[in-house]
Amino acid sequence: MAHTDLVAFTSDEYAALLRTADLRVTRPRVAVLEAVETNPHADTETVFGVVRSGLPEVSRQAVYDVLAALTCAGLVRKIQPSGSVARYESRVGDNHHHAVCRSCGVISDVDCAVGATPCLTPSDYNGFVLEEAEVIYWGLCPDCASPGAASRVSGSHT
């Protein structure tokens, strides 16, 4: 039951996802799944803030532990572009990549144009059994690339 789109689940559906992955259903796990689902490419602090808004008793360490468990179970995907903090997404089970804005750091999903995982074939495998290829495109998002963006960005640092 891989979740690959951004249609919000109900609490019962999140619980079913956890059970399918042989994870115990807890309020923090359900809350973290929902936070990642509703905040694509969120960093840990964002996930923590969203979870705490509904469950004020949840600790930062609990959120870290839940994110690790969900990542190991394949329910969320951890991505960490060079120079960035770890980000989490619920889009798992498909072959997609990411575009990262060099100016503001926003991340966007990019569907793979080649096909199934791994979508790139190296000239020499060096004995590896390849499972996936991680592609990150770097550039400027539409907001940062728009006319006047340079003055808005440079003006914010004064």
N, C-alpha and C. Protein backbone atom coordinates (compact mmCIF):
# COMPACT_ATOMS: atom_id res chain seq x y z
N MET A 1 0.84 -1.19 0.00
CA MET A 1 0.00 0.00 0.00
C MET A 1 0.88 1.24 0.00
N ALA A 2 1.69 1.38 -1.03
CA ALA A 2 2.57 2.53 -1.14
C ALA A 2 1.77 3.77 -1.49
N HIS A 3 2.07 4.84 -0.83
CA HIS A 3 1.36 6.08 -1.06
C HIS A 3 2.20 6.96 -1.95
N THR A 4 1.70 7.25 -3.14
CA THR A 4 2.50 7.99 -4.10
C THR A 4 1.88 9.30 -4.55
N ASP A 5 0.75 9.67 -3.99
CA ASP A 5 0.19 10.96 -4.37
C ASP A 5 -0.11 11.78 -3.12
N LEU A 6 -0.67 12.95 -3.32
CA LEU A 6 -0.86 13.85 -2.20
C LEU A 6 -2.33 13.95 -1.79
N VAL A 7 -3.01 12.83 -1.72
CA VAL A 7 -4.37 12.79 -1.23
C VAL A 7 -4.30 12.43 0.24
N ALA A 8 -4.79 13.31 1.09
CA ALA A 8 -4.69 13.08 2.54
C ALA A 8 -5.46 11.84 2.94
N PHE A 9 -4.84 11.05 3.79
CA PHE A 9 -5.46 9.85 4.34
C PHE A 9 -6.24 10.21 5.59
N THR A 10 -7.11 9.31 6.00
CA THR A 10 -7.77 9.43 7.29
C THR A 10 -6.88 8.77 8.34
N SER A 11 -7.19 9.00 9.61
CA SER A 11 -6.42 8.36 10.68
C SER A 11 -6.46 6.84 10.56
N ASP A 12 -7.61 6.30 10.17
CA ASP A 12 -7.71 4.84 9.99
C ASP A 12 -6.82 4.35 8.86
N GLU A 13 -6.70 5.13 7.80
CA GLU A 13 -5.83 4.74 6.68
C GLU A 13 -4.36 4.82 7.07
N TYR A 14 -3.99 5.83 7.85
CA TYR A 14 -2.62 5.89 8.36
C TYR A 14 -2.34 4.70 9.26
N ALA A 15 -3.31 4.34 10.10
CA ALA A 15 -3.15 3.17 10.97
C ALA A 15 -2.97 1.90 10.15
N ALA A 16 -3.72 1.78 9.07
CA ALA A 16 -3.59 0.61 8.19
C ALA A 16 -2.20 0.56 7.55
N LEU A 17 -1.68 1.72 7.14
CA LEU A 17 -0.32 1.78 6.59
C LEU A 17 0.70 1.27 7.61
N LEU A 18 0.56 1.73 8.84
CA LEU A 18 1.48 1.30 9.89
C LEU A 18 1.39 -0.20 10.12
N ARG A 19 0.18 -0.72 10.18
CA ARG A 19 0.00 -2.17 10.39
C ARG A 19 0.59 -2.97 9.23
N THR A 20 0.39 -2.49 8.01
CA THR A 20 0.94 -3.17 6.83
C THR A 20 2.46 -3.27 6.93
N ALA A 21 3.08 -2.27 7.53
CA ALA A 21 4.54 -2.25 7.70
C ALA A 21 4.98 -2.93 8.99
N ASP A 22 4.04 -3.59 9.68
CA ASP A 22 4.32 -4.26 10.95
C ASP A 22 4.81 -3.30 12.02
N LEU A 23 4.28 -2.09 12.00
CA LEU A 23 4.59 -1.10 13.02
C LEU A 23 3.37 -0.91 13.92
N ARG A 24 3.63 -0.76 15.20
CA ARG A 24 2.56 -0.51 16.15
C ARG A 24 1.94 0.86 15.85
N VAL A 25 0.63 0.93 15.95
CA VAL A 25 -0.08 2.18 15.70
C VAL A 25 -0.05 3.02 16.97
N THR A 26 0.57 4.20 16.88
CA THR A 26 0.61 5.14 17.99
C THR A 26 0.19 6.52 17.48
N ARG A 27 -0.26 7.35 18.39
CA ARG A 27 -0.65 8.70 17.99
C ARG A 27 0.51 9.48 17.37
N PRO A 28 1.73 9.41 17.94
CA PRO A 28 2.84 10.12 17.31
C PRO A 28 3.15 9.61 15.90
N ARG A 29 3.07 8.31 15.68
CA ARG A 29 3.35 7.77 14.33
C ARG A 29 2.30 8.25 13.33
N VAL A 30 1.05 8.22 13.73
CA VAL A 30 -0.01 8.71 12.84
C VAL A 30 0.19 10.20 12.58
N ALA A 31 0.52 10.96 13.61
CA ALA A 31 0.72 12.41 13.46
C ALA A 31 1.90 12.73 12.55
N VAL A 32 2.99 11.97 12.67
CA VAL A 32 4.16 12.20 11.81
C VAL A 32 3.82 11.85 10.37
N LEU A 33 3.15 10.73 10.14
CA LEU A 33 2.74 10.37 8.78
C LEU A 33 1.90 11.49 8.16
N GLU A 34 0.95 12.00 8.92
CA GLU A 34 0.10 13.06 8.42
C GLU A 34 0.90 14.34 8.16
N ALA A 35 1.83 14.67 9.05
CA ALA A 35 2.65 15.88 8.87
C ALA A 35 3.50 15.78 7.61
N VAL A 36 4.09 14.62 7.37
CA VAL A 36 4.91 14.45 6.17
C VAL A 36 4.03 14.50 4.93
N GLU A 37 2.87 13.90 5.00
CA GLU A 37 1.94 13.88 3.87
C GLU A 37 1.47 15.27 3.49
N THR A 38 1.16 16.08 4.48
CA THR A 38 0.60 17.41 4.21
C THR A 38 1.67 18.49 4.03
N ASN A 39 2.93 18.15 4.26
CA ASN A 39 4.05 19.09 4.11
C ASN A 39 5.17 18.43 3.32
N PRO A 40 4.97 18.25 2.00
CA PRO A 40 5.98 17.54 1.21
C PRO A 40 7.36 18.19 1.33
N HIS A 41 8.37 17.36 1.45
CA HIS A 41 9.77 17.78 1.54
C HIS A 41 10.05 18.61 2.79
N ALA A 42 9.31 18.33 3.86
CA ALA A 42 9.50 19.05 5.12
C ALA A 42 10.75 18.56 5.83
N ASP A 43 11.43 19.49 6.50
CA ASP A 43 12.56 19.09 7.34
C ASP A 43 12.03 18.63 8.70
N THR A 44 12.92 18.12 9.53
CA THR A 44 12.51 17.57 10.82
C THR A 44 11.84 18.62 11.69
N GLU A 45 12.37 19.83 11.70
CA GLU A 45 11.79 20.88 12.54
C GLU A 45 10.36 21.21 12.12
N THR A 46 10.11 21.23 10.82
CA THR A 46 8.75 21.48 10.34
C THR A 46 7.82 20.36 10.77
N VAL A 47 8.26 19.12 10.58
CA VAL A 47 7.45 17.97 11.00
C VAL A 47 7.19 18.06 12.50
N PHE A 48 8.22 18.36 13.28
CA PHE A 48 8.07 18.47 14.73
C PHE A 48 7.03 19.53 15.09
N GLY A 49 7.11 20.70 14.46
CA GLY A 49 6.15 21.77 14.74
C GLY A 49 4.72 21.38 14.42
N VAL A 50 4.53 20.71 13.29
CA VAL A 50 3.18 20.28 12.91
C VAL A 50 2.66 19.24 13.90
N VAL A 51 3.51 18.29 14.27
CA VAL A 51 3.10 17.25 15.21
C VAL A 51 2.77 17.87 16.56
N ARG A 52 3.63 18.78 17.04
CA ARG A 52 3.41 19.41 18.36
C ARG A 52 2.14 20.25 18.40
N SER A 53 1.73 20.79 17.26
CA SER A 53 0.50 21.59 17.25
C SER A 53 -0.72 20.74 17.59
N GLY A 54 -0.67 19.46 17.29
CA GLY A 54 -1.77 18.57 17.62
C GLY A 54 -1.53 17.70 18.83
N LEU A 55 -0.25 17.42 19.10
CA LEU A 55 0.14 16.57 20.24
C LEU A 55 1.25 17.27 21.01
N PRO A 56 0.93 18.25 21.85
CA PRO A 56 1.96 19.05 22.52
C PRO A 56 2.90 18.26 23.42
N GLU A 57 2.51 17.06 23.81
CA GLU A 57 3.35 16.25 24.71
C GLU A 57 4.45 15.49 23.97
N VAL A 58 4.43 15.47 22.65
CA VAL A 58 5.42 14.70 21.89
C VAL A 58 6.76 15.42 21.89
N SER A 59 7.81 14.69 22.20
CA SER A 59 9.16 15.27 22.25
C SER A 59 9.80 15.30 20.87
N ARG A 60 10.80 16.14 20.75
CA ARG A 60 11.58 16.22 19.52
C ARG A 60 12.22 14.86 19.22
N GLN A 61 12.75 14.20 20.25
CA GLN A 61 13.39 12.90 20.05
C GLN A 61 12.39 11.87 19.54
N ALA A 62 11.16 11.93 20.04
CA ALA A 62 10.13 10.99 19.57
C ALA A 62 9.88 11.18 18.07
N VAL A 63 9.85 12.43 17.62
CA VAL A 63 9.65 12.69 16.19
C VAL A 63 10.82 12.15 15.39
N TYR A 64 12.05 12.37 15.86
CA TYR A 64 13.22 11.81 15.18
C TYR A 64 13.12 10.29 15.10
N ASP A 65 12.74 9.66 16.21
CA ASP A 65 12.63 8.20 16.25
C ASP A 65 11.55 7.69 15.30
N VAL A 66 10.42 8.37 15.27
CA VAL A 66 9.33 7.97 14.38
C VAL A 66 9.75 8.14 12.92
N LEU A 67 10.39 9.26 12.59
CA LEU A 67 10.85 9.45 11.21
C LEU A 67 11.82 8.35 10.80
N ALA A 68 12.72 7.96 11.71
CA ALA A 68 13.66 6.88 11.40
C ALA A 68 12.92 5.56 11.17
N ALA A 69 11.95 5.26 12.02
CA ALA A 69 11.19 4.01 11.88
C ALA A 69 10.38 4.00 10.59
N LEU A 70 9.74 5.11 10.27
CA LEU A 70 8.94 5.20 9.05
C LEU A 70 9.80 5.11 7.81
N THR A 71 11.01 5.69 7.87
CA THR A 71 11.94 5.60 6.75
C THR A 71 12.40 4.17 6.55
N CYS A 72 12.79 3.51 7.65
CA CYS A 72 13.23 2.10 7.57
C CYS A 72 12.11 1.21 7.04
N ALA A 73 10.87 1.51 7.38
CA ALA A 73 9.73 0.71 6.95
C ALA A 73 9.31 1.03 5.51
N GLY A 74 9.89 2.08 4.93
CA GLY A 74 9.54 2.45 3.56
C GLY A 74 8.25 3.23 3.43
N LEU A 75 7.76 3.78 4.54
CA LEU A 75 6.54 4.57 4.49
C LEU A 75 6.81 6.03 4.16
N VAL A 76 8.01 6.50 4.46
CA VAL A 76 8.44 7.83 4.05
C VAL A 76 9.83 7.69 3.45
N ARG A 77 10.20 8.67 2.67
CA ARG A 77 11.51 8.69 2.03
C ARG A 77 12.28 9.88 2.55
N LYS A 78 13.51 9.64 2.94
CA LYS A 78 14.40 10.71 3.40
C LYS A 78 15.26 11.14 2.23
N ILE A 79 15.28 12.42 1.97
CA ILE A 79 16.15 12.96 0.93
C ILE A 79 17.03 14.03 1.58
N GLN A 80 18.25 14.14 1.09
CA GLN A 80 19.16 15.12 1.66
C GLN A 80 20.07 15.67 0.58
N PRO A 81 19.58 16.67 -0.16
CA PRO A 81 20.43 17.28 -1.18
C PRO A 81 21.69 17.87 -0.55
N SER A 82 22.76 17.87 -1.28
CA SER A 82 24.04 18.38 -0.80
C SER A 82 23.87 19.77 -0.18
N GLY A 83 24.38 19.91 1.03
CA GLY A 83 24.32 21.19 1.72
C GLY A 83 22.99 21.49 2.39
N SER A 84 22.07 20.54 2.37
CA SER A 84 20.74 20.75 2.96
C SER A 84 20.53 19.82 4.14
N VAL A 85 19.60 20.19 4.99
CA VAL A 85 19.17 19.29 6.06
C VAL A 85 18.32 18.19 5.44
N ALA A 86 18.14 17.12 6.18
CA ALA A 86 17.29 16.02 5.70
C ALA A 86 15.86 16.51 5.54
N ARG A 87 15.23 16.05 4.50
CA ARG A 87 13.82 16.34 4.22
C ARG A 87 13.10 15.01 4.08
N TYR A 88 11.79 15.03 4.28
CA TYR A 88 11.00 13.80 4.24
C TYR A 88 9.81 13.97 3.33
N GLU A 89 9.47 12.89 2.64
CA GLU A 89 8.30 12.91 1.76
C GLU A 89 7.58 11.58 1.85
N SER A 90 6.29 11.62 1.53
CA SER A 90 5.48 10.40 1.56
C SER A 90 5.38 9.76 0.19
N ARG A 91 5.91 10.39 -0.81
CA ARG A 91 5.85 9.83 -2.16
C ARG A 91 6.92 8.75 -2.27
N VAL A 92 6.51 7.53 -2.05
CA VAL A 92 7.41 6.38 -2.11
C VAL A 92 6.84 5.36 -3.09
N GLY A 93 7.67 4.43 -3.51
CA GLY A 93 7.18 3.36 -4.36
C GLY A 93 7.11 3.70 -5.83
N ASP A 94 7.61 4.86 -6.21
CA ASP A 94 7.68 5.19 -7.63
C ASP A 94 9.09 5.70 -7.92
N ASN A 95 9.36 5.97 -9.15
CA ASN A 95 10.69 6.44 -9.54
C ASN A 95 10.59 7.91 -9.90
N HIS A 96 10.97 8.77 -8.96
CA HIS A 96 10.99 10.19 -9.24
C HIS A 96 12.25 10.80 -8.64
N HIS A 97 12.54 12.00 -9.10
CA HIS A 97 13.74 12.71 -8.67
C HIS A 97 13.32 14.06 -8.08
N HIS A 98 14.29 14.94 -7.88
CA HIS A 98 14.00 16.22 -7.25
C HIS A 98 14.73 17.37 -7.93
N ALA A 99 14.07 18.52 -7.95
CA ALA A 99 14.68 19.77 -8.38
C ALA A 99 14.80 20.64 -7.14
N VAL A 100 15.98 21.23 -6.94
CA VAL A 100 16.24 22.04 -5.75
C VAL A 100 16.62 23.45 -6.20
N CYS A 101 15.99 24.45 -5.60
CA CYS A 101 16.31 25.84 -5.91
C CYS A 101 17.58 26.24 -5.17
N ARG A 102 18.56 26.73 -5.92
CA ARG A 102 19.82 27.17 -5.32
C ARG A 102 19.65 28.43 -4.47
N SER A 103 18.60 29.19 -4.71
CA SER A 103 18.41 30.44 -3.99
C SER A 103 17.65 30.25 -2.68
N CYS A 104 16.46 29.65 -2.75
CA CYS A 104 15.61 29.56 -1.55
C CYS A 104 15.55 28.15 -0.95
N GLY A 105 16.02 27.15 -1.68
CA GLY A 105 16.06 25.78 -1.16
C GLY A 105 14.80 24.97 -1.34
N VAL A 106 13.78 25.53 -1.98
CA VAL A 106 12.55 24.76 -2.20
C VAL A 106 12.86 23.52 -3.04
N ILE A 107 12.14 22.44 -2.75
CA ILE A 107 12.34 21.17 -3.46
C ILE A 107 11.04 20.80 -4.15
N SER A 108 11.16 20.32 -5.38
CA SER A 108 10.00 19.90 -6.15
C SER A 108 10.25 18.51 -6.72
N ASP A 109 9.20 17.70 -6.80
CA ASP A 109 9.30 16.38 -7.41
C ASP A 109 9.40 16.51 -8.92
N VAL A 110 10.22 15.64 -9.52
CA VAL A 110 10.38 15.58 -10.96
C VAL A 110 10.21 14.11 -11.35
N ASP A 111 9.18 13.81 -12.12
CA ASP A 111 8.98 12.43 -12.56
C ASP A 111 10.12 12.01 -13.47
N CYS A 112 10.53 10.76 -13.33
CA CYS A 112 11.62 10.24 -14.16
C CYS A 112 11.12 10.06 -15.59
N ALA A 113 11.87 10.57 -16.54
CA ALA A 113 11.49 10.46 -17.95
C ALA A 113 12.01 9.17 -18.58
N VAL A 114 12.88 8.45 -17.87
CA VAL A 114 13.52 7.27 -18.45
C VAL A 114 12.74 6.00 -18.17
N GLY A 115 12.30 5.81 -16.94
CA GLY A 115 11.54 4.59 -16.66
C GLY A 115 11.77 4.05 -15.27
N ALA A 116 11.84 2.73 -15.19
CA ALA A 116 11.90 2.03 -13.91
C ALA A 116 13.25 2.21 -13.22
N THR A 117 13.26 1.92 -11.94
CA THR A 117 14.45 2.01 -11.11
C THR A 117 15.39 0.87 -11.42
N PRO A 118 16.71 1.02 -11.44
CA PRO A 118 17.40 2.31 -11.54
C PRO A 118 17.30 2.84 -12.96
N CYS A 119 17.04 4.11 -13.09
CA CYS A 119 16.77 4.66 -14.42
C CYS A 119 18.04 5.02 -15.19
N LEU A 120 19.16 5.04 -14.53
CA LEU A 120 20.43 5.32 -15.19
C LEU A 120 21.31 4.09 -15.12
N THR A 121 22.01 3.80 -16.18
CA THR A 121 22.87 2.63 -16.21
C THR A 121 24.32 3.09 -16.32
N PRO A 122 25.14 2.80 -15.31
CA PRO A 122 26.55 3.19 -15.37
C PRO A 122 27.32 2.31 -16.35
N SER A 123 28.46 2.81 -16.79
CA SER A 123 29.28 2.02 -17.72
C SER A 123 29.91 0.83 -17.02
N ASP A 124 30.12 0.91 -15.70
CA ASP A 124 30.70 -0.20 -14.94
C ASP A 124 30.01 -0.26 -13.58
N TYR A 125 29.45 -1.42 -13.25
CA TYR A 125 28.74 -1.59 -11.98
C TYR A 125 29.68 -1.81 -10.81
N ASN A 126 30.94 -2.15 -11.07
CA ASN A 126 31.93 -2.42 -10.03
C ASN A 126 31.45 -3.45 -9.02
N GLY A 127 30.66 -4.42 -9.48
CA GLY A 127 30.19 -5.48 -8.62
C GLY A 127 28.95 -5.16 -7.82
N PHE A 128 28.46 -3.93 -7.92
CA PHE A 128 27.27 -3.53 -7.16
C PHE A 128 26.01 -4.11 -7.78
N VAL A 129 25.03 -4.39 -6.94
CA VAL A 129 23.68 -4.68 -7.40
C VAL A 129 22.92 -3.38 -7.21
N LEU A 130 22.66 -2.70 -8.30
CA LEU A 130 22.05 -1.37 -8.23
C LEU A 130 20.56 -1.46 -7.96
N GLU A 131 20.09 -0.59 -7.06
CA GLU A 131 18.68 -0.55 -6.70
C GLU A 131 17.98 0.71 -7.18
N GLU A 132 18.70 1.82 -7.17
CA GLU A 132 18.11 3.07 -7.61
C GLU A 132 19.20 4.05 -7.99
N ALA A 133 18.81 5.06 -8.75
CA ALA A 133 19.69 6.17 -9.08
C ALA A 133 19.03 7.43 -8.53
N GLU A 134 19.77 8.20 -7.77
CA GLU A 134 19.22 9.43 -7.20
C GLU A 134 19.70 10.60 -8.03
N VAL A 135 18.76 11.29 -8.64
CA VAL A 135 19.08 12.43 -9.49
C VAL A 135 18.53 13.68 -8.82
N ILE A 136 19.37 14.69 -8.71
CA ILE A 136 18.93 15.98 -8.18
C ILE A 136 19.28 17.04 -9.21
N TYR A 137 18.28 17.76 -9.63
CA TYR A 137 18.46 18.88 -10.55
C TYR A 137 18.58 20.14 -9.72
N TRP A 138 19.52 21.00 -10.07
CA TRP A 138 19.74 22.26 -9.36
C TRP A 138 19.44 23.42 -10.29
N GLY A 139 18.82 24.45 -9.76
CA GLY A 139 18.52 25.63 -10.55
C GLY A 139 17.76 26.64 -9.71
N LEU A 140 16.92 27.42 -10.35
CA LEU A 140 16.11 28.42 -9.66
C LEU A 140 14.64 28.06 -9.83
N CYS A 141 13.89 28.13 -8.74
CA CYS A 141 12.46 27.87 -8.79
C CYS A 141 11.79 29.03 -9.54
N PRO A 142 10.52 28.87 -9.93
CA PRO A 142 9.85 29.95 -10.67
C PRO A 142 9.84 31.29 -9.92
N ASP A 143 9.66 31.26 -8.60
CA ASP A 143 9.64 32.52 -7.84
C ASP A 143 11.00 33.22 -7.88
N CYS A 144 12.07 32.44 -7.69
CA CYS A 144 13.41 33.04 -7.66
C CYS A 144 13.91 33.42 -9.05
N ALA A 145 13.40 32.76 -10.08
CA ALA A 145 13.82 33.05 -11.45
C ALA A 145 13.02 34.19 -12.07
N SER A 146 11.95 34.63 -11.42
CA SER A 146 11.08 35.66 -12.00
C SER A 146 11.77 37.02 -11.96
N PRO A 147 11.37 37.92 -12.87
CA PRO A 147 11.94 39.27 -12.86
C PRO A 147 11.74 39.92 -11.49
N GLY A 148 12.76 40.57 -11.00
CA GLY A 148 12.69 41.22 -9.70
C GLY A 148 13.07 40.32 -8.55
N ALA A 149 13.27 39.04 -8.82
CA ALA A 149 13.61 38.11 -7.74
C ALA A 149 14.97 38.44 -7.15
N ALA A 150 15.93 38.82 -7.99
CA ALA A 150 17.27 39.12 -7.49
C ALA A 150 17.23 40.27 -6.50
N SER A 151 16.43 41.30 -6.79
CA SER A 151 16.36 42.43 -5.86
C SER A 151 15.63 42.04 -4.58
N ARG A 152 14.62 41.16 -4.70
CA ARG A 152 13.92 40.71 -3.49
C ARG A 152 14.85 39.88 -2.62
N VAL A 153 15.64 39.00 -3.25
CA VAL A 153 16.54 38.13 -2.49
C VAL A 153 17.66 38.96 -1.87
N SER A 154 18.32 39.83 -2.68
CA SER A 154 19.43 40.61 -2.14
C SER A 154 18.93 41.64 -1.13
N GLY A 155 17.73 42.17 -1.33
CA GLY A 155 17.17 43.14 -0.40
C GLY A 155 16.83 42.55 0.94
N SER A 156 16.61 41.25 0.99
CA SER A 156 16.25 40.63 2.27
C SER A 156 17.45 40.42 3.17
N HIS A 157 18.66 40.62 2.65
CA HIS A 157 19.87 40.40 3.44
C HIS A 157 20.45 41.69 3.99
N THR A 158 19.75 42.80 3.82
CA THR A 158 20.29 44.08 4.28
C THR A 158 19.73 44.46 5.61
